[in-house]
Every structure is written in C-alpha cells, then in structure tokens.
Amino acid sequence: MKTITPFKTTEAVTLNLKGNFSKVLIVKVDANFEVEGKLIDRKALPKTKRHTLCLEWADFPSSPGPLPTARS
C-alpha cells in the first residue's frame, strides 16, 4: 500500500519492484480527509528494467464498481 497525503507536493508515489506482490493499492487522502483508492495489478504496471517505479495518481483510471443498492 502506498499513500498520497495532503502534505505531499505531488500526487506520485515510488514503488520498489523488488518486492513480492501481485497488486498495489494507492490511497489518496485529501485536505478534508476524504479517502480514495486505486487497486492496480502488477501486470498493469509499466515495464521497466529499473528496481523502482514512480506512479502518478492520474496515470491509473479509477475503477468504478457498482454502487451498493439500498435495501428496504
């Protein structure tokens, strides 16, 4: 899990690719403490020969899932 907090100057995180993981969760917290997250498959990450990768929040689309329906 990587976080983008209101205290950071950019909406980017650095990911170490040497680790053993199949998905990465990027969580963004805004100044009003509202939270948004993006779950990214390792296969969807850009290919690189380096050991680290800089991920920009805007580079990955939000995956809108179906909203839960209200039960009466």
Protein backbone atom coordinates (compact mmCIF):
# COMPACT_ATOMS: atom_id res chain seq x y z
CA MET A 1 0.00 0.00 0.00
CA LYS A 2 1.24 3.46 -0.92
CA THR A 3 -0.33 6.68 0.31
CA ILE A 4 -0.66 10.20 -1.06
CA THR A 5 -1.34 12.60 1.79
CA PRO A 6 -2.33 16.27 1.74
CA PHE A 7 1.18 17.13 2.93
CA LYS A 8 2.86 15.85 -0.27
CA THR A 9 3.58 18.30 -3.06
CA THR A 10 2.87 15.79 -5.86
CA GLU A 11 0.34 13.05 -6.45
CA ALA A 12 3.00 10.43 -7.09
CA VAL A 13 4.46 7.50 -5.17
CA THR A 14 7.64 5.48 -5.63
CA LEU A 15 7.25 1.72 -5.76
CA ASN A 16 10.04 -0.78 -5.12
CA LEU A 17 9.66 -3.53 -7.72
CA LYS A 18 11.98 -5.96 -5.93
CA GLY A 19 9.22 -6.91 -3.51
CA ASN A 20 6.94 -9.90 -3.88
CA PHE A 21 3.45 -8.57 -4.64
CA SER A 22 0.69 -9.11 -7.19
CA LYS A 23 -1.27 -5.88 -6.57
CA VAL A 24 -0.54 -2.42 -5.23
CA LEU A 25 -3.08 -0.18 -3.53
CA ILE A 26 -2.61 3.57 -3.87
CA VAL A 27 -4.62 5.55 -1.33
CA LYS A 28 -5.08 9.30 -1.64
CA VAL A 29 -6.18 11.38 1.34
CA ASP A 30 -7.19 14.96 0.57
CA ALA A 31 -7.16 18.02 2.80
CA ASN A 32 -10.69 17.23 4.03
CA PHE A 33 -9.56 13.71 4.96
CA GLU A 34 -11.66 12.15 2.22
CA VAL A 35 -10.11 8.89 1.04
CA GLU A 36 -9.94 7.42 -2.45
CA GLY A 37 -8.07 4.32 -3.55
CA LYS A 38 -6.91 2.56 -6.70
CA LEU A 39 -6.00 -1.13 -6.79
CA ILE A 40 -3.54 -1.93 -9.58
CA ASP A 41 -2.41 -5.36 -10.78
CA ARG A 42 1.34 -5.75 -11.06
CA LYS A 43 0.79 -6.88 -14.66
CA ALA A 44 -0.76 -3.46 -15.42
CA LEU A 45 2.33 -1.53 -14.26
CA PRO A 46 4.62 -0.06 -16.93
CA LYS A 47 7.54 -2.30 -17.86
CA THR A 48 10.99 -1.13 -16.72
CA LYS A 49 14.41 -2.60 -16.10
CA ARG A 50 14.90 -0.38 -13.03
CA HIS A 51 14.14 -1.53 -9.47
CA THR A 52 11.85 1.39 -8.69
CA LEU A 53 8.90 2.91 -10.47
CA CYS A 54 7.24 6.30 -9.99
CA LEU A 55 3.44 6.01 -10.17
CA GLU A 56 1.34 9.11 -10.85
CA TRP A 57 -2.21 9.10 -9.48
CA ALA A 58 -3.62 10.39 -12.80
CA ASP A 59 -1.96 7.62 -14.82
CA PHE A 60 -4.33 4.97 -13.49
CA PRO A 61 -8.08 5.27 -14.01
CA SER A 62 -10.40 4.82 -11.10
CA SER A 63 -12.20 1.52 -11.32
CA PRO A 64 -15.81 2.42 -10.68
CA GLY A 65 -17.59 -0.55 -9.31
CA PRO A 66 -21.32 -0.91 -8.94
CA LEU A 67 -22.73 1.06 -6.06
CA PRO A 68 -24.45 -0.96 -3.38
CA THR A 69 -28.21 -0.89 -3.65
CA ALA A 70 -30.31 0.29 -0.75
CA ARG A 71 -32.38 -2.39 0.94
CA SER A 72 -35.83 -1.58 2.17
